[in-house]
Amino acid sequence: MELETLFVIGMFLTFGALLMTGFPVAWVLGGTAVIWTVVGVIAVENFGANLWFDYSSSMGLVPERIWKVVNSETLVALPMFIFMGIMLDQSGVAERLMNSMVKLFGAVRGGYAVTVIVIGVLLAATTGIIGASVVLLGMLSLPVMMENKYDKGFAVGTACATGTLGILIPPSIMLVLMADRLAVPEASVGDLFMGAFFPGLMLGAMYVTYAMVRPLLQPHMAPVPEGTEKVTWSIVWEVAKAVVPTAALILGVLGSIFAGIATPTEASGVGALGALILALMAGRLNMKVLNSSMQQTTRTAAFIFAIFLGATAFSVVLRGLGGDQVIEDALLGLPFGPYGIVLSILFGVFLLGFFLDWVEITLIILPLVAPVVQQLGFDLVWFTILFAMCLQTSFLTPPVGFALFYIKGVAPPEINVTDIYRGVIPFIIIQLVGLAIVFVVPEIATWLPSVAYD
């Protein structure tokens, strides 16, 4: 085995071992980079290792790379979209949607689950903050579904899985990070937003289908509530009043991007302003709410940027050790053909999602495998959307499935961990089926970006 391969394997093993110590991920990434810089320099200077590696070509480049990160116009959109999502949580949009849509769908078997999914899709199109969406949907829907004798696993699985749609449906902070990491014109933020639009809606439609079909096959999963109101025009009007402001915000943000009127960074400012206006219209905007929202935005953005800086140091050192070439040779050497290589990458990402957060996988793995996929002749938008859909499952797969922890924190006492795991399994299967559909029919992800630039 070549020295470069041993070093790359050693670097990843060091990262995994340090991660188990419980230290923050940003420190682990940066610390691993420092350790292997020392190892690399010693190997070159004292043992004559034939590596394109020294301090100046590795850690010496980190300040320059960090400046590029904090100076990136693309990443300006990140705190703006985070603020938009947090402010929308404060505006009471979800509560109004829940109260009105329950009257519309409540009389249908599985109607409460359908209501949660529809609201989740609307929230996903206005915020990419998974934790906030999962917690909010859980708090609003689980007590109502438990009161109406819904199966515990079905209820908690619906709320938990629906909350993860925000990581895929634009504007998604994950897609912003992916576009910045790829840094190629053919996979800009706008391209990825357009590419994820139909796959995200398709997953939402598949969730709705499941929520309606399973109770028909197993009526005990979602009994028809007693004493529900008959749907009238006044109820429809109430739903419309709750949906229109949210729909207007979605149109303002995504519509301006898709129409080419604004860049994603500019549209993020529109979204932040729109969220402020909705909070003001709802009578929820005051200094306490504004201060809380800004503090949450700062903490979330700082957390992501800290990992970003650690991952920058990690990737620079990995490249200095020949990691790019080692991974490229390993992938191209697989005896599966081009499509088999892509499937192997996605399977690896799926497994990594059991143990790593999506941020680390996006920042470390995506830049390493994307050039190989591009070299094989595949559309980079299509592959990135597949990568994103695969990462979505990481929120639901134990032991590091963060959505599982979020939902447990707000679930009623009668819902235990077994109910949560049992409830999310069907949705993980649905996500993988959706991934397979986009893999077989790439046009679902590539059609909208291609039309936009024709």
Protein backbone atom coordinates (compact mmCIF):
# COMPACT_ATOMS: atom_id res chain seq x y z
CA MET A 1 0.00 0.00 0.00
CA GLU A 2 1.37 3.43 -0.96
CA LEU A 3 2.36 5.93 1.71
CA GLU A 4 -0.27 8.46 0.52
CA THR A 5 -3.02 5.88 0.97
CA LEU A 6 -1.82 5.04 4.48
CA PHE A 7 -1.75 8.71 5.41
CA VAL A 8 -5.26 9.34 4.09
CA ILE A 9 -6.66 6.31 5.92
CA GLY A 10 -4.79 7.38 9.06
CA MET A 11 -6.20 10.90 8.83
CA PHE A 12 -9.80 9.67 8.59
CA LEU A 13 -9.26 7.18 11.42
CA THR A 14 -7.81 9.97 13.59
CA PHE A 15 -10.85 12.12 12.84
CA GLY A 16 -13.21 9.28 13.77
CA ALA A 17 -11.34 8.48 16.99
CA LEU A 18 -11.25 12.12 18.13
CA LEU A 19 -14.92 12.50 17.28
CA MET A 20 -15.73 9.76 19.80
CA THR A 21 -14.12 11.83 22.58
CA GLY A 22 -17.02 14.29 22.54
CA PHE A 23 -14.98 17.34 21.56
CA PRO A 24 -16.79 19.85 19.29
CA VAL A 25 -16.58 18.84 15.64
CA ALA A 26 -14.91 22.09 14.57
CA TRP A 27 -12.04 21.48 17.03
CA VAL A 28 -11.76 17.84 15.97
CA LEU A 29 -11.45 18.79 12.29
CA GLY A 30 -8.88 21.51 12.98
CA GLY A 31 -6.97 19.34 15.46
CA THR A 32 -6.77 16.45 13.01
CA ALA A 33 -5.38 18.86 10.40
CA VAL A 34 -2.67 20.06 12.80
CA ILE A 35 -1.69 16.51 13.84
CA TRP A 36 -1.32 15.33 10.25
CA THR A 37 0.50 18.46 9.19
CA VAL A 38 3.16 17.55 11.75
CA VAL A 39 3.18 13.91 10.58
CA GLY A 40 3.45 14.96 6.93
CA VAL A 41 6.27 17.43 7.51
CA ILE A 42 8.23 14.87 9.56
CA ALA A 43 7.74 12.23 6.83
CA VAL A 44 9.00 14.58 4.11
CA GLU A 45 11.91 16.22 5.94
CA ASN A 46 13.26 13.29 7.99
CA PHE A 47 12.31 10.18 6.05
CA GLY A 48 12.41 11.46 2.48
CA ALA A 49 8.76 10.67 1.78
CA ASN A 50 7.81 11.51 -1.79
CA LEU A 51 4.85 13.72 -0.89
CA TRP A 52 3.78 17.05 -2.36
CA PHE A 53 3.56 18.33 1.16
CA ASP A 54 5.13 20.86 3.48
CA TYR A 55 3.86 23.45 5.92
CA SER A 56 3.53 26.20 3.34
CA SER A 57 1.46 24.01 0.98
CA SER A 58 -0.86 22.81 3.75
CA MET A 59 -1.52 24.71 6.97
CA GLY A 60 0.20 27.76 5.50
CA LEU A 61 -2.69 28.04 3.06
CA VAL A 62 -5.37 27.94 5.75
CA PRO A 63 -5.52 31.72 6.47
CA GLU A 64 -6.00 32.39 2.75
CA ARG A 65 -8.72 29.73 2.53
CA ILE A 66 -10.46 31.06 5.67
CA TRP A 67 -10.51 34.54 4.16
CA LYS A 68 -12.19 33.10 1.06
CA VAL A 69 -14.83 31.49 3.29
CA VAL A 70 -15.72 34.64 5.22
CA ASN A 71 -15.48 36.76 2.05
CA SER A 72 -17.84 34.51 0.07
CA GLU A 73 -20.88 36.33 -1.30
CA THR A 74 -22.73 33.02 -1.55
CA LEU A 75 -22.43 32.39 2.19
CA VAL A 76 -23.98 35.78 3.00
CA ALA A 77 -27.29 34.05 2.25
CA LEU A 78 -26.72 31.57 5.09
CA PRO A 79 -27.42 33.80 8.14
CA MET A 80 -30.22 35.56 6.24
CA PHE A 81 -32.07 32.31 5.52
CA ILE A 82 -31.47 31.18 9.11
CA PHE A 83 -32.93 34.45 10.43
CA MET A 84 -35.88 34.09 8.05
CA GLY A 85 -36.70 30.62 9.39
CA ILE A 86 -36.34 31.56 13.06
CA MET A 87 -38.43 34.71 12.66
CA LEU A 88 -41.16 32.72 10.92
CA ASP A 89 -41.28 30.38 13.92
CA GLN A 90 -41.85 33.46 16.09
CA SER A 91 -44.57 34.85 13.81
CA GLY A 92 -47.10 32.10 14.58
CA VAL A 93 -47.49 31.09 10.93
CA ALA A 94 -47.45 27.37 11.72
CA GLU A 95 -50.05 27.67 14.49
CA ARG A 96 -52.48 29.50 12.21
CA LEU A 97 -51.94 26.95 9.44
CA MET A 98 -52.49 24.07 11.86
CA ASN A 99 -55.67 25.50 13.35
CA SER A 100 -57.23 26.19 9.96
CA MET A 101 -56.10 23.09 8.03
CA VAL A 102 -57.25 20.71 10.76
CA LYS A 103 -60.78 21.90 10.02
CA LEU A 104 -60.22 21.22 6.31
CA PHE A 105 -58.67 17.75 6.54
CA GLY A 106 -59.78 16.63 10.01
CA ALA A 107 -62.78 14.59 8.86
CA VAL A 108 -60.61 12.48 6.51
CA ARG A 109 -59.04 9.28 7.84
CA GLY A 110 -55.39 10.22 8.38
CA GLY A 111 -56.34 13.88 7.95
CA TYR A 112 -54.24 15.13 10.85
CA ALA A 113 -51.16 13.45 9.38
CA VAL A 114 -51.92 15.00 5.97
CA THR A 115 -52.27 18.39 7.68
CA VAL A 116 -48.86 18.02 9.32
CA ILE A 117 -47.22 17.10 6.00
CA VAL A 118 -48.82 20.01 4.08
CA ILE A 119 -47.74 22.46 6.79
CA GLY A 120 -44.28 20.88 6.84
CA VAL A 121 -43.88 21.39 3.08
CA LEU A 122 -44.89 25.05 3.43
CA LEU A 123 -42.47 25.53 6.33
CA ALA A 124 -39.73 23.76 4.37
CA ALA A 125 -40.16 26.27 1.54
CA THR A 126 -39.62 29.13 3.97
CA THR A 127 -36.89 27.78 6.23
CA GLY A 128 -34.10 25.21 6.14
CA ILE A 129 -33.78 24.99 9.94
CA ILE A 130 -34.52 21.32 10.64
CA GLY A 131 -34.45 21.54 14.42
CA ALA A 132 -37.00 24.35 14.52
CA SER A 133 -39.34 22.63 12.03
CA VAL A 134 -39.26 19.23 13.79
CA VAL A 135 -39.81 20.77 17.23
CA LEU A 136 -42.60 23.04 16.01
CA LEU A 137 -44.46 20.30 14.13
CA GLY A 138 -44.07 17.94 17.08
CA MET A 139 -45.40 20.46 19.59
CA LEU A 140 -48.37 21.40 17.41
CA SER A 141 -49.43 17.99 16.11
CA LEU A 142 -48.53 15.21 18.55
CA PRO A 143 -50.92 16.20 21.39
CA VAL A 144 -53.80 16.48 18.90
CA MET A 145 -53.04 13.15 17.21
CA MET A 146 -52.65 11.38 20.57
CA GLU A 147 -55.99 12.82 21.70
CA ASN A 148 -57.60 11.39 18.56
CA LYS A 149 -56.17 7.88 19.19
CA TYR A 150 -53.58 7.90 16.38
CA ASP A 151 -50.98 5.15 16.50
CA LYS A 152 -47.99 6.56 18.40
CA GLY A 153 -45.39 5.45 15.85
CA PHE A 154 -47.44 6.73 12.89
CA ALA A 155 -47.99 10.11 14.56
CA VAL A 156 -44.43 10.74 15.72
CA GLY A 157 -42.90 9.38 12.50
CA THR A 158 -45.03 11.75 10.41
CA ALA A 159 -44.05 14.84 12.41
CA CYS A 160 -40.36 13.85 12.62
CA ALA A 161 -39.88 12.95 8.94
CA THR A 162 -41.88 15.91 7.61
CA GLY A 163 -39.70 18.31 9.56
CA THR A 164 -36.63 17.11 7.63
CA LEU A 165 -38.05 18.22 4.26
CA GLY A 166 -36.58 21.67 4.88
CA ILE A 167 -33.07 20.36 4.28
CA LEU A 168 -34.01 19.58 0.66
CA ILE A 169 -36.83 21.90 -0.41
CA PRO A 170 -35.33 25.33 -1.24
CA PRO A 171 -34.33 27.69 0.24
CA SER A 172 -32.14 25.10 1.98
CA ILE A 173 -29.03 26.07 3.91
CA MET A 174 -27.55 22.68 2.98
CA LEU A 175 -27.81 23.51 -0.72
CA VAL A 176 -26.15 26.89 -0.08
CA LEU A 177 -23.21 25.11 1.57
CA MET A 178 -23.04 22.54 -1.22
CA ALA A 179 -22.91 25.22 -3.92
CA ASP A 180 -20.12 27.01 -2.07
CA ARG A 181 -18.11 23.79 -1.65
CA LEU A 182 -18.51 22.81 -5.31
CA ALA A 183 -17.64 26.33 -6.50
CA VAL A 184 -18.44 25.63 -10.16
CA PRO A 185 -20.76 27.67 -12.42
CA GLU A 186 -22.82 24.63 -13.46
CA ALA A 187 -23.86 23.98 -9.83
CA SER A 188 -24.62 27.43 -8.43
CA VAL A 189 -27.04 28.03 -5.56
CA GLY A 190 -29.78 28.93 -8.04
CA ASP A 191 -29.17 25.74 -10.03
CA LEU A 192 -29.35 23.58 -6.90
CA PHE A 193 -32.48 25.35 -5.65
CA MET A 194 -34.21 24.70 -8.97
CA GLY A 195 -32.88 21.15 -9.12
CA ALA A 196 -34.21 20.32 -5.64
CA PHE A 197 -37.65 21.87 -6.17
CA PHE A 198 -39.40 18.94 -7.85
CA PRO A 199 -37.64 16.16 -5.88
CA GLY A 200 -38.66 17.93 -2.66
CA LEU A 201 -42.28 18.27 -3.74
CA MET A 202 -42.24 14.65 -4.94
CA LEU A 203 -41.15 13.48 -1.48
CA GLY A 204 -43.90 15.58 0.10
CA ALA A 205 -46.47 13.99 -2.24
CA MET A 206 -45.15 10.52 -1.38
CA TYR A 207 -45.51 11.31 2.33
CA VAL A 208 -49.12 12.43 1.79
CA THR A 209 -49.88 9.27 -0.19
CA TYR A 210 -48.48 7.13 2.62
CA ALA A 211 -50.42 9.09 5.26
CA MET A 212 -53.68 8.49 3.36
CA VAL A 213 -53.17 4.91 2.15
CA ARG A 214 -51.85 3.27 5.32
CA PRO A 215 -54.87 4.28 7.48
CA LEU A 216 -57.15 2.89 4.76
CA LEU A 217 -55.35 -0.46 5.01
CA GLN A 218 -55.00 -0.31 8.81
CA PRO A 219 -57.86 1.83 10.17
CA HIS A 220 -56.59 1.61 13.75
CA MET A 221 -53.54 3.70 12.76
CA ALA A 222 -55.65 6.85 12.34
CA PRO A 223 -59.31 6.70 13.44
CA VAL A 224 -61.73 9.25 11.99
CA PRO A 225 -62.18 11.97 14.65
CA GLU A 226 -65.64 12.34 16.13
CA GLY A 227 -67.58 15.58 15.95
CA THR A 228 -65.58 17.17 13.13
CA GLU A 229 -67.06 20.17 11.37
CA LYS A 230 -68.44 19.92 7.87
CA VAL A 231 -66.19 21.74 5.40
CA THR A 232 -67.75 25.06 4.47
CA TRP A 233 -66.67 28.03 2.39
CA SER A 234 -65.86 29.91 5.60
CA ILE A 235 -63.34 27.19 6.53
CA VAL A 236 -61.83 27.30 3.04
CA TRP A 237 -61.54 31.08 3.35
CA GLU A 238 -59.86 30.70 6.76
CA VAL A 239 -57.32 28.29 5.25
CA ALA A 240 -56.68 30.67 2.36
CA LYS A 241 -56.01 33.57 4.76
CA ALA A 242 -53.49 31.41 6.62
CA VAL A 243 -51.76 30.09 3.48
CA VAL A 244 -51.57 33.24 1.32
CA PRO A 245 -48.99 35.18 3.41
CA THR A 246 -46.68 32.14 3.52
CA ALA A 247 -47.21 31.47 -0.19
CA ALA A 248 -46.43 35.13 -0.95
CA LEU A 249 -43.15 34.86 0.95
CA ILE A 250 -42.23 31.65 -0.91
CA LEU A 251 -43.06 33.33 -4.22
CA GLY A 252 -41.01 36.37 -3.29
CA VAL A 253 -37.93 34.32 -2.41
CA LEU A 254 -37.97 31.40 -4.84
CA GLY A 255 -39.84 33.23 -7.59
CA SER A 256 -37.26 36.01 -7.70
CA ILE A 257 -34.44 33.42 -7.94
CA PHE A 258 -36.11 31.23 -10.56
CA ALA A 259 -37.13 34.22 -12.67
CA GLY A 260 -33.58 35.57 -12.61
CA ILE A 261 -34.66 38.80 -10.92
CA ALA A 262 -32.46 38.29 -7.86
CA THR A 263 -29.49 36.19 -6.86
CA PRO A 264 -29.99 33.74 -3.96
CA THR A 265 -28.04 36.11 -1.72
CA GLU A 266 -30.32 39.02 -2.63
CA ALA A 267 -33.41 36.81 -2.28
CA SER A 268 -32.31 35.82 1.22
CA GLY A 269 -32.56 39.48 2.19
CA VAL A 270 -36.06 39.60 0.70
CA GLY A 271 -36.96 36.52 2.76
CA ALA A 272 -35.61 37.99 6.00
CA LEU A 273 -37.57 41.21 5.44
CA GLY A 274 -40.71 39.23 4.52
CA ALA A 275 -40.46 37.19 7.72
CA LEU A 276 -40.21 40.41 9.73
CA ILE A 277 -43.32 41.77 8.00
CA LEU A 278 -45.28 38.56 8.69
CA ALA A 279 -44.30 38.71 12.36
CA LEU A 280 -45.36 42.36 12.47
CA MET A 281 -48.72 41.58 10.82
CA ALA A 282 -49.30 38.81 13.37
CA GLY A 283 -48.59 41.19 16.24
CA ARG A 284 -45.63 39.07 17.37
CA LEU A 285 -42.80 41.49 16.54
CA ASN A 286 -41.24 43.19 19.54
CA MET A 287 -37.75 43.81 20.88
CA LYS A 288 -37.73 40.58 22.89
CA VAL A 289 -38.61 38.47 19.85
CA LEU A 290 -36.19 40.36 17.61
CA ASN A 291 -33.35 40.01 20.12
CA SER A 292 -34.05 36.27 20.60
CA SER A 293 -34.19 35.67 16.85
CA MET A 294 -30.92 37.49 16.24
CA GLN A 295 -29.16 35.59 19.03
CA GLN A 296 -30.39 32.23 17.69
CA THR A 297 -29.31 33.22 14.19
CA THR A 298 -25.84 34.20 15.42
CA ARG A 299 -25.39 30.95 17.36
CA THR A 300 -26.54 28.76 14.47
CA ALA A 301 -24.46 30.60 11.87
CA ALA A 302 -21.40 30.59 14.16
CA PHE A 303 -21.77 26.84 14.71
CA ILE A 304 -21.86 26.19 10.96
CA PHE A 305 -19.00 28.59 10.17
CA ALA A 306 -16.82 27.09 12.93
CA ILE A 307 -17.23 23.65 11.33
CA PHE A 308 -16.62 25.30 7.97
CA LEU A 309 -13.24 26.64 9.14
CA GLY A 310 -12.23 23.31 10.70
CA ALA A 311 -13.24 21.48 7.52
CA THR A 312 -11.21 23.97 5.45
CA ALA A 313 -8.06 23.12 7.40
CA PHE A 314 -8.87 19.39 7.20
CA SER A 315 -9.40 19.45 3.43
CA VAL A 316 -6.27 21.49 2.74
CA VAL A 317 -4.07 19.02 4.66
CA LEU A 318 -5.87 16.03 3.11
CA ARG A 319 -5.10 17.39 -0.35
CA GLY A 320 -1.48 17.98 0.64
CA LEU A 321 -1.23 14.32 1.64
CA GLY A 322 -2.54 13.28 -1.78
CA GLY A 323 -6.06 12.53 -0.57
CA ASP A 324 -7.75 13.77 -3.75
CA GLN A 325 -5.77 11.40 -5.94
CA VAL A 326 -6.13 8.45 -3.54
CA ILE A 327 -9.93 8.80 -3.42
CA GLU A 328 -10.20 9.38 -7.17
CA ASP A 329 -8.11 6.27 -7.93
CA ALA A 330 -10.12 4.21 -5.45
CA LEU A 331 -13.47 5.25 -6.94
CA LEU A 332 -12.42 4.92 -10.58
CA GLY A 333 -10.93 1.54 -9.78
CA LEU A 334 -14.27 0.09 -8.66
CA PRO A 335 -15.45 -2.63 -11.09
CA PHE A 336 -19.04 -1.36 -11.27
CA GLY A 337 -19.08 1.06 -14.19
CA PRO A 338 -19.99 4.77 -13.96
CA TYR A 339 -23.49 4.30 -12.50
CA GLY A 340 -22.18 1.72 -10.07
CA ILE A 341 -19.56 4.19 -8.85
CA VAL A 342 -22.26 6.81 -8.21
CA LEU A 343 -24.35 4.23 -6.33
CA SER A 344 -21.28 3.26 -4.29
CA ILE A 345 -20.73 6.90 -3.32
CA LEU A 346 -24.38 7.32 -2.30
CA PHE A 347 -24.30 4.09 -0.30
CA GLY A 348 -21.17 5.31 1.49
CA VAL A 349 -22.87 8.63 2.27
CA PHE A 350 -25.93 6.76 3.59
CA LEU A 351 -23.70 4.76 5.96
CA LEU A 352 -21.77 7.86 7.06
CA GLY A 353 -25.11 9.48 7.90
CA PHE A 354 -25.50 6.99 10.75
CA PHE A 355 -22.48 8.52 12.52
CA LEU A 356 -21.76 12.01 11.12
CA ASP A 357 -23.80 15.18 10.83
CA TRP A 358 -24.74 16.44 7.36
CA VAL A 359 -22.48 19.48 7.76
CA GLU A 360 -19.31 17.40 8.09
CA ILE A 361 -20.32 15.10 5.22
CA THR A 362 -21.11 18.07 2.98
CA LEU A 363 -17.91 19.95 3.75
CA ILE A 364 -15.50 17.00 3.63
CA ILE A 365 -16.90 14.27 1.38
CA LEU A 366 -18.76 16.21 -1.34
CA PRO A 367 -15.72 18.19 -2.61
CA LEU A 368 -13.73 14.94 -2.78
CA VAL A 369 -16.24 12.89 -4.80
CA ALA A 370 -17.83 15.58 -7.01
CA PRO A 371 -14.80 15.91 -9.38
CA VAL A 372 -14.85 12.14 -9.94
CA VAL A 373 -18.57 12.21 -10.78
CA GLN A 374 -18.02 15.14 -13.13
CA GLN A 375 -15.11 13.29 -14.76
CA LEU A 376 -17.46 10.36 -15.41
CA GLY A 377 -19.68 12.71 -17.42
CA PHE A 378 -22.65 13.03 -15.06
CA ASP A 379 -24.67 16.20 -14.50
CA LEU A 380 -23.37 17.79 -11.29
CA VAL A 381 -26.78 19.22 -10.30
CA TRP A 382 -28.34 15.75 -10.59
CA PHE A 383 -25.60 14.16 -8.48
CA THR A 384 -25.71 16.91 -5.84
CA ILE A 385 -29.47 16.54 -5.44
CA LEU A 386 -29.01 12.76 -5.04
CA PHE A 387 -26.30 13.49 -2.47
CA ALA A 388 -28.68 15.86 -0.63
CA MET A 389 -31.55 13.35 -0.67
CA CYS A 390 -29.21 10.71 0.72
CA LEU A 391 -28.11 13.08 3.48
CA GLN A 392 -31.76 13.74 4.38
CA THR A 393 -31.96 10.18 5.68
CA SER A 394 -29.15 10.98 8.15
CA PHE A 395 -31.61 13.01 10.23
CA LEU A 396 -33.74 9.90 10.80
CA THR A 397 -31.14 7.14 11.16
CA PRO A 398 -29.79 6.30 14.64
CA PRO A 399 -27.57 6.77 16.53
CA VAL A 400 -26.85 10.36 15.34
CA GLY A 401 -30.26 11.13 13.79
CA PHE A 402 -30.75 14.63 15.17
CA ALA A 403 -34.43 14.79 14.23
CA LEU A 404 -35.01 11.81 16.54
CA PHE A 405 -33.55 13.74 19.48
CA TYR A 406 -35.50 16.89 18.58
CA ILE A 407 -38.83 15.06 18.45
CA LYS A 408 -38.15 13.13 21.66
CA GLY A 409 -37.63 16.42 23.49
CA VAL A 410 -41.16 17.63 22.72
CA ALA A 411 -43.08 14.33 22.45
CA PRO A 412 -45.75 13.49 25.06
CA PRO A 413 -44.52 11.18 27.86
CA GLU A 414 -46.40 8.15 26.49
CA ILE A 415 -44.23 8.18 23.31
CA ASN A 416 -40.96 6.33 23.88
CA VAL A 417 -37.81 5.88 21.77
CA THR A 418 -39.08 2.58 20.32
CA ASP A 419 -42.18 4.35 18.99
CA ILE A 420 -39.98 6.99 17.33
CA TYR A 421 -37.71 4.43 15.64
CA ARG A 422 -40.71 2.36 14.53
CA GLY A 423 -42.45 5.44 13.17
CA VAL A 424 -39.57 6.80 11.07
CA ILE A 425 -38.65 3.51 9.32
CA PRO A 426 -41.42 3.80 6.66
CA PHE A 427 -40.33 7.37 5.91
CA ILE A 428 -36.69 6.34 5.52
CA ILE A 429 -37.89 3.74 3.00
CA ILE A 430 -39.95 6.43 1.21
CA GLN A 431 -36.88 8.69 1.05
CA LEU A 432 -34.78 5.90 -0.44
CA VAL A 433 -37.53 5.13 -3.00
CA GLY A 434 -37.60 8.84 -3.92
CA LEU A 435 -33.82 8.77 -4.27
CA ALA A 436 -34.10 5.76 -6.60
CA ILE A 437 -36.72 7.55 -8.73
CA VAL A 438 -34.51 10.63 -9.20
CA PHE A 439 -31.55 8.33 -9.94
CA VAL A 440 -33.50 6.55 -12.70
CA VAL A 441 -35.23 9.72 -14.00
CA PRO A 442 -32.58 12.50 -13.79
CA GLU A 443 -34.90 14.98 -15.53
CA ILE A 444 -36.80 15.41 -12.25
CA ALA A 445 -33.75 17.29 -10.98
CA THR A 446 -32.29 18.67 -14.21
CA TRP A 447 -35.33 19.86 -16.17
CA LEU A 448 -36.06 23.09 -14.29
CA PRO A 449 -32.44 24.37 -14.28
CA SER A 450 -32.13 23.56 -18.01
CA VAL A 451 -35.38 25.39 -18.87
CA ALA A 452 -34.38 28.43 -16.79
CA TYR A 453 -31.23 28.96 -18.85
CA ASP A 454 -32.64 28.16 -22.30
